[in-house]
Structures are given as C-alpha cells and as structure tokens.
C-alpha cells in the first residue's frame, strides 16, 4: 500500500516537514491517513513501518525521519527474461512475482493483519474482511474484484467464524 502511494506520500510528507528532516510521529501518522485514505491510527505500527527506533531529543517529541521511512519501501517487479535493474521504485526484477518477495517475513504479514483487525480483538471477522476487500476492489480493474465471502471461507478453513493471524499467514503460504 505504501509502495503504491509512495509518490503521493513523498509530496505530503515533504509538505508537512517543510525544511525539516524529522517530523513528529503524529504528523507522520496523519499524513499516512490522508494519503492512504484509511481511518487507521498508524502510531502503534511506527516501529514496523518506519523500521528504526524512534528518535527522541530535546523537543520531547518522538520523531520520524520521513525520507528514511520512504526509502525503505521498494517493489519487486517482473520483466520477462528479466535482469537486475535499479531504479527509483524498482529494486530487483525476478522471473515470477511473489507475495513472499514483498512480505518476506511473517512479522510483516502480522502487521497487515493488525491493520485489518479494526476492532483489535486479534481475529478477523467477516465484516473486517468485507471492508478490506471493498478497499482493495476500489483499486482493481473491473472483473478482477475479490469476493470477500469466498476469501473469508478460504481463510476460515477450520470453520470457526473468525480468522486468526496464523490462518491469515497460512493463506499466503498456500496461494504463493
């Protein structure tokens, strides 16, 4: 999501920061909400998303180096018969795209899970999956929409009526 909106995030964070390299965590979180159009409090996810300890100083405010934050996000792309290329948004070209290339670690999948878990109960219910699919479907071409009911059925393979973080991560292993 961050990669898909990186240019807009750069503009917004630059606007917020002015000439500053460091911005307050609250400013960073609000900029993400505005650009990504998500009603999510990103502050609890700052360590996972920013990827570095918070900087604290004499200002008493937690700070984020907004340029370093954006620089850590890259996308792997496929070019038939590909070769390694380095560009502003391209890190490596692989023969086959893979979600595992983007979500290399279970921890990163768990962060996505926590973003989807709107009520914070540690599970995903049908309503949360429907909201997530609705957001995704807004950006997918017609005819490629995700069926929330079918996705939930697949993730809830045990039939419990909820999806745990383990169920969520298992889906990615099974499908990619």
C-alpha atoms as a PDB file:
ATOM      1  CA  UNK A   1       0.000   0.000   0.000  1.00  0.00           C
ATOM      2  CA  UNK A   2       2.811   2.362   0.889  1.00  0.00           C
ATOM      3  CA  UNK A   3       4.657   1.482  -2.321  1.00  0.00           C
ATOM      4  CA  UNK A   4       1.549   2.099  -4.394  1.00  0.00           C
ATOM      5  CA  UNK A   5       1.191   5.612  -2.971  1.00  0.00           C
ATOM      6  CA  UNK A   6       4.856   6.443  -2.499  1.00  0.00           C
ATOM      7  CA  UNK A   7       4.873   9.493  -4.789  1.00  0.00           C
ATOM      8  CA  UNK A   8       1.818  10.995  -3.077  1.00  0.00           C
ATOM      9  CA  UNK A   9       3.262  10.196   0.359  1.00  0.00           C
ATOM     10  CA  UNK A  10       6.537  11.887  -0.577  1.00  0.00           C
ATOM     11  CA  UNK A  11       4.706  15.051  -1.613  1.00  0.00           C
ATOM     12  CA  UNK A  12       2.533  15.108   1.507  1.00  0.00           C
ATOM     13  CA  UNK A  13       5.378  14.335   3.932  1.00  0.00           C
ATOM     14  CA  UNK A  14       7.556  16.949   2.257  1.00  0.00           C
ATOM     15  CA  UNK A  15       4.726  19.479   2.598  1.00  0.00           C
ATOM     16  CA  UNK A  16       4.291  18.600   6.285  1.00  0.00           C
ATOM     17  CA  UNK A  17       8.018  18.672   7.006  1.00  0.00           C
ATOM     18  CA  UNK A  18       8.885  21.868   5.195  1.00  0.00           C
ATOM     19  CA  UNK A  19      12.662  22.030   5.560  1.00  0.00           C
ATOM     20  CA  UNK A  20      12.789  19.570   8.453  1.00  0.00           C
ATOM     21  CA  UNK A  21      14.225  16.072   8.059  1.00  0.00           C
ATOM     22  CA  UNK A  22      12.428  14.836  11.172  1.00  0.00           C
ATOM     23  CA  UNK A  23       8.699  15.104  11.789  1.00  0.00           C
ATOM     24  CA  UNK A  24       6.615  14.209  14.822  1.00  0.00           C
ATOM     25  CA  UNK A  25       5.063  10.743  14.853  1.00  0.00           C
ATOM     26  CA  UNK A  26       1.596  12.305  14.955  1.00  0.00           C
ATOM     27  CA  UNK A  27       2.327  14.341  11.814  1.00  0.00           C
ATOM     28  CA  UNK A  28       3.638  11.216  10.082  1.00  0.00           C
ATOM     29  CA  UNK A  29       0.570   9.166  11.086  1.00  0.00           C
ATOM     30  CA  UNK A  30      -1.879  11.866   9.975  1.00  0.00           C
ATOM     31  CA  UNK A  31      -0.117  12.219   6.606  1.00  0.00           C
ATOM     32  CA  UNK A  32      -0.431   8.463   6.050  1.00  0.00           C
ATOM     33  CA  UNK A  33      -4.140   8.617   6.926  1.00  0.00           C
ATOM     34  CA  UNK A  34      -4.756  11.472   4.481  1.00  0.00           C
ATOM     35  CA  UNK A  35      -2.859   9.976   1.549  1.00  0.00           C
ATOM     36  CA  UNK A  36      -3.921   6.349   2.032  1.00  0.00           C
ATOM     37  CA  UNK A  37      -7.466   7.438   2.953  1.00  0.00           C
ATOM     38  CA  UNK A  38      -7.587   4.975   5.835  1.00  0.00           C
ATOM     39  CA  UNK A  39      -9.076   5.642   9.238  1.00  0.00           C
ATOM     40  CA  UNK A  40      -6.244   3.791  10.958  1.00  0.00           C
ATOM     41  CA  UNK A  41      -4.086   5.062  13.792  1.00  0.00           C
ATOM     42  CA  UNK A  42      -0.643   4.310  12.355  1.00  0.00           C
ATOM     43  CA  UNK A  43       1.234   5.335  15.511  1.00  0.00           C
ATOM     44  CA  UNK A  44       1.145   1.816  17.063  1.00  0.00           C
ATOM     45  CA  UNK A  45       2.708   0.463  13.843  1.00  0.00           C
ATOM     46  CA  UNK A  46       5.508   3.007  13.633  1.00  0.00           C
ATOM     47  CA  UNK A  47       8.321   0.625  14.555  1.00  0.00           C
ATOM     48  CA  UNK A  48       7.223  -1.955  11.963  1.00  0.00           C
ATOM     49  CA  UNK A  49       6.574   0.640   9.250  1.00  0.00           C
ATOM     50  CA  UNK A  50       9.438   3.013   9.953  1.00  0.00           C
ATOM     51  CA  UNK A  51      11.836   0.165  10.721  1.00  0.00           C
ATOM     52  CA  UNK A  52      14.042   2.028  13.134  1.00  0.00           C
ATOM     53  CA  UNK A  53      13.832   3.085  16.753  1.00  0.00           C
ATOM     54  CA  UNK A  54      12.139   6.393  17.331  1.00  0.00           C
ATOM     55  CA  UNK A  55      14.370   9.393  17.609  1.00  0.00           C
ATOM     56  CA  UNK A  56      13.869  11.406  20.745  1.00  0.00           C
ATOM     57  CA  UNK A  57      15.586  14.623  21.529  1.00  0.00           C
ATOM     58  CA  UNK A  58      15.348  17.803  23.453  1.00  0.00           C
ATOM     59  CA  UNK A  59      11.960  18.547  21.867  1.00  0.00           C
ATOM     60  CA  UNK A  60      10.360  15.738  23.945  1.00  0.00           C
ATOM     61  CA  UNK A  61       8.504  14.550  20.831  1.00  0.00           C
ATOM     62  CA  UNK A  62       9.015  11.219  19.100  1.00  0.00           C
ATOM     63  CA  UNK A  63      10.327  11.873  15.631  1.00  0.00           C
ATOM     64  CA  UNK A  64      10.371  10.062  12.279  1.00  0.00           C
ATOM     65  CA  UNK A  65      12.931  10.629   9.532  1.00  0.00           C
ATOM     66  CA  UNK A  66      10.358  10.779   6.745  1.00  0.00           C
ATOM     67  CA  UNK A  67      12.861  10.348   3.919  1.00  0.00           C
ATOM     68  CA  UNK A  68      14.387   7.236   5.511  1.00  0.00           C
ATOM     69  CA  UNK A  69      10.847   5.893   6.038  1.00  0.00           C
ATOM     70  CA  UNK A  70      10.001   6.194   2.335  1.00  0.00           C
ATOM     71  CA  UNK A  71      13.401   4.950   1.180  1.00  0.00           C
ATOM     72  CA  UNK A  72      12.874   1.569   2.825  1.00  0.00           C
ATOM     73  CA  UNK A  73       9.890   0.733   0.586  1.00  0.00           C
ATOM     74  CA  UNK A  74      10.636  -0.887  -2.768  1.00  0.00           C
ATOM     75  CA  UNK A  75       8.661  -3.088  -5.140  1.00  0.00           C
ATOM     76  CA  UNK A  76       9.862  -6.236  -6.847  1.00  0.00           C
ATOM     77  CA  UNK A  77       8.642  -6.427 -10.417  1.00  0.00           C
ATOM     78  CA  UNK A  78       8.735  -8.990 -13.204  1.00  0.00           C
ATOM     79  CA  UNK A  79      10.254  -8.401 -16.584  1.00  0.00           C
ATOM     80  CA  UNK A  80      10.075 -11.431 -18.884  1.00  0.00           C
ATOM     81  CA  UNK A  81      13.613 -12.765 -19.236  1.00  0.00           C
ATOM     82  CA  UNK A  82      14.356 -10.205 -16.552  1.00  0.00           C
ATOM     83  CA  UNK A  83      17.635  -8.906 -15.323  1.00  0.00           C
ATOM     84  CA  UNK A  84      18.563  -6.881 -12.278  1.00  0.00           C
ATOM     85  CA  UNK A  85      17.769  -3.223 -12.640  1.00  0.00           C
ATOM     86  CA  UNK A  86      17.989  -0.497 -10.045  1.00  0.00           C
ATOM     87  CA  UNK A  87      15.675   2.498 -10.264  1.00  0.00           C
ATOM     88  CA  UNK A  88      13.794   4.877  -8.030  1.00  0.00           C
ATOM     89  CA  UNK A  89      10.945   2.418  -7.393  1.00  0.00           C
ATOM     90  CA  UNK A  90      12.429  -0.806  -8.735  1.00  0.00           C
ATOM     91  CA  UNK A  91      14.858  -2.829  -6.643  1.00  0.00           C
ATOM     92  CA  UNK A  92      15.061  -6.205  -8.349  1.00  0.00           C
ATOM     93  CA  UNK A  93      13.399  -7.947 -11.245  1.00  0.00           C
ATOM     94  CA  UNK A  94      12.510 -11.567 -10.658  1.00  0.00           C
ATOM     95  CA  UNK A  95      11.243 -14.230 -13.035  1.00  0.00           C
ATOM     96  CA  UNK A  96       7.905 -14.664 -11.193  1.00  0.00           C
ATOM     97  CA  UNK A  97       6.210 -12.112  -8.935  1.00  0.00           C
ATOM     98  CA  UNK A  98       5.585 -13.415  -5.460  1.00  0.00           C
ATOM     99  CA  UNK A  99       3.844 -12.096  -2.407  1.00  0.00           C
ATOM    100  CA  UNK A 100       6.675 -13.719  -0.474  1.00  0.00           C
ATOM    101  CA  UNK A 101       9.078 -11.308  -2.184  1.00  0.00           C
ATOM    102  CA  UNK A 102       7.144  -8.392  -0.742  1.00  0.00           C
ATOM    103  CA  UNK A 103       6.161  -9.966   2.593  1.00  0.00           C
ATOM    104  CA  UNK A 104       9.408 -11.752   3.358  1.00  0.00           C
ATOM    105  CA  UNK A 105       8.659 -12.356   6.974  1.00  0.00           C
ATOM    106  CA  UNK A 106       5.656 -13.481   8.936  1.00  0.00           C
ATOM    107  CA  UNK A 107       6.064 -10.385  11.099  1.00  0.00           C
ATOM    108  CA  UNK A 108       5.248  -8.171   8.127  1.00  0.00           C
ATOM    109  CA  UNK A 109       2.138 -10.228   7.396  1.00  0.00           C
ATOM    110  CA  UNK A 110       1.166  -9.845  11.053  1.00  0.00           C
ATOM    111  CA  UNK A 111       1.369  -6.051  10.661  1.00  0.00           C
ATOM    112  CA  UNK A 112      -1.018  -6.238   7.694  1.00  0.00           C
ATOM    113  CA  UNK A 113      -3.285  -8.457   9.793  1.00  0.00           C
ATOM    114  CA  UNK A 114      -3.276  -5.908  12.646  1.00  0.00           C
ATOM    115  CA  UNK A 115      -4.234  -3.152  10.188  1.00  0.00           C
ATOM    116  CA  UNK A 116      -7.198  -5.220   9.012  1.00  0.00           C
ATOM    117  CA  UNK A 117      -8.255  -6.128  12.569  1.00  0.00           C
ATOM    118  CA  UNK A 118     -10.333  -2.987  13.025  1.00  0.00           C
ATOM    119  CA  UNK A 119     -11.777  -3.868  16.440  1.00  0.00           C
ATOM    120  CA  UNK A 120      -8.413  -5.066  17.791  1.00  0.00           C
ATOM    121  CA  UNK A 121      -9.695  -8.422  19.066  1.00  0.00           C
ATOM    122  CA  UNK A 122      -6.866 -10.404  17.451  1.00  0.00           C
ATOM    123  CA  UNK A 123      -9.091 -12.038  14.819  1.00  0.00           C
ATOM    124  CA  UNK A 124     -10.703 -11.028  11.550  1.00  0.00           C
ATOM    125  CA  UNK A 125     -14.436 -11.333  11.253  1.00  0.00           C
ATOM    126  CA  UNK A 126     -16.461 -11.359   8.056  1.00  0.00           C
ATOM    127  CA  UNK A 127     -17.189  -7.622   8.348  1.00  0.00           C
ATOM    128  CA  UNK A 128     -13.472  -6.759   8.583  1.00  0.00           C
ATOM    129  CA  UNK A 129     -12.666  -8.928   5.552  1.00  0.00           C
ATOM    130  CA  UNK A 130     -15.523  -7.292   3.614  1.00  0.00           C
ATOM    131  CA  UNK A 131     -14.187  -3.811   4.440  1.00  0.00           C
ATOM    132  CA  UNK A 132     -10.659  -4.796   3.384  1.00  0.00           C
ATOM    133  CA  UNK A 133     -11.908  -6.316   0.128  1.00  0.00           C
ATOM    134  CA  UNK A 134     -14.017  -3.228  -0.527  1.00  0.00           C
ATOM    135  CA  UNK A 135     -10.922  -1.030  -0.193  1.00  0.00           C
ATOM    136  CA  UNK A 136      -8.889  -3.317  -2.451  1.00  0.00           C
ATOM    137  CA  UNK A 137     -11.662  -3.638  -5.013  1.00  0.00           C
ATOM    138  CA  UNK A 138     -11.780   0.149  -5.486  1.00  0.00           C
ATOM    139  CA  UNK A 139      -8.290  -0.101  -6.992  1.00  0.00           C
ATOM    140  CA  UNK A 140      -8.698  -3.299  -9.014  1.00  0.00           C
ATOM    141  CA  UNK A 141      -9.796  -3.441 -12.659  1.00  0.00           C
ATOM    142  CA  UNK A 142     -13.378  -4.410 -13.367  1.00  0.00           C
ATOM    143  CA  UNK A 143     -13.812  -8.164 -13.344  1.00  0.00           C
ATOM    144  CA  UNK A 144     -10.790  -8.701 -11.068  1.00  0.00           C
ATOM    145  CA  UNK A 145     -12.554  -7.853  -7.802  1.00  0.00           C
ATOM    146  CA  UNK A 146     -12.006 -10.049  -4.740  1.00  0.00           C
ATOM    147  CA  UNK A 147     -15.054 -11.916  -3.458  1.00  0.00           C
ATOM    148  CA  UNK A 148     -14.989 -11.245   0.288  1.00  0.00           C
ATOM    149  CA  UNK A 149     -17.259 -14.192   1.136  1.00  0.00           C
ATOM    150  CA  UNK A 150     -15.068 -16.644  -0.786  1.00  0.00           C
ATOM    151  CA  UNK A 151     -11.858 -15.213   0.659  1.00  0.00           C
ATOM    152  CA  UNK A 152     -13.240 -15.471   4.180  1.00  0.00           C
ATOM    153  CA  UNK A 153     -14.326 -19.069   3.551  1.00  0.00           C
ATOM    154  CA  UNK A 154     -10.819 -19.956   2.369  1.00  0.00           C
ATOM    155  CA  UNK A 155      -9.096 -18.223   5.303  1.00  0.00           C
ATOM    156  CA  UNK A 156     -11.519 -19.719   7.827  1.00  0.00           C
ATOM    157  CA  UNK A 157     -10.664 -23.276   6.794  1.00  0.00           C
ATOM    158  CA  UNK A 158     -11.446 -24.545  10.319  1.00  0.00           C
ATOM    159  CA  UNK A 159     -14.951 -23.070  10.204  1.00  0.00           C
ATOM    160  CA  UNK A 160     -14.623 -21.073  13.430  1.00  0.00           C
ATOM    161  CA  UNK A 161     -16.242 -17.934  12.031  1.00  0.00           C
ATOM    162  CA  UNK A 162     -13.074 -15.928  12.590  1.00  0.00           C
ATOM    163  CA  UNK A 163      -9.612 -15.755  11.032  1.00  0.00           C
ATOM    164  CA  UNK A 164      -6.545 -15.821  13.252  1.00  0.00           C
ATOM    165  CA  UNK A 165      -3.183 -14.354  12.307  1.00  0.00           C
ATOM    166  CA  UNK A 166      -1.982 -17.928  11.731  1.00  0.00           C
ATOM    167  CA  UNK A 167      -4.899 -18.594   9.343  1.00  0.00           C
ATOM    168  CA  UNK A 168      -4.104 -15.336   7.535  1.00  0.00           C
ATOM    169  CA  UNK A 169      -0.415 -16.166   7.127  1.00  0.00           C
ATOM    170  CA  UNK A 170      -1.239 -19.719   6.051  1.00  0.00           C
ATOM    171  CA  UNK A 171      -3.364 -18.356   3.190  1.00  0.00           C
ATOM    172  CA  UNK A 172      -0.317 -16.594   1.753  1.00  0.00           C
ATOM    173  CA  UNK A 173       1.788 -19.741   2.025  1.00  0.00           C
ATOM    174  CA  UNK A 174      -0.898 -21.833   0.280  1.00  0.00           C
ATOM    175  CA  UNK A 175      -1.523 -19.423  -2.579  1.00  0.00           C
ATOM    176  CA  UNK A 176       2.006 -18.271  -3.440  1.00  0.00           C
END
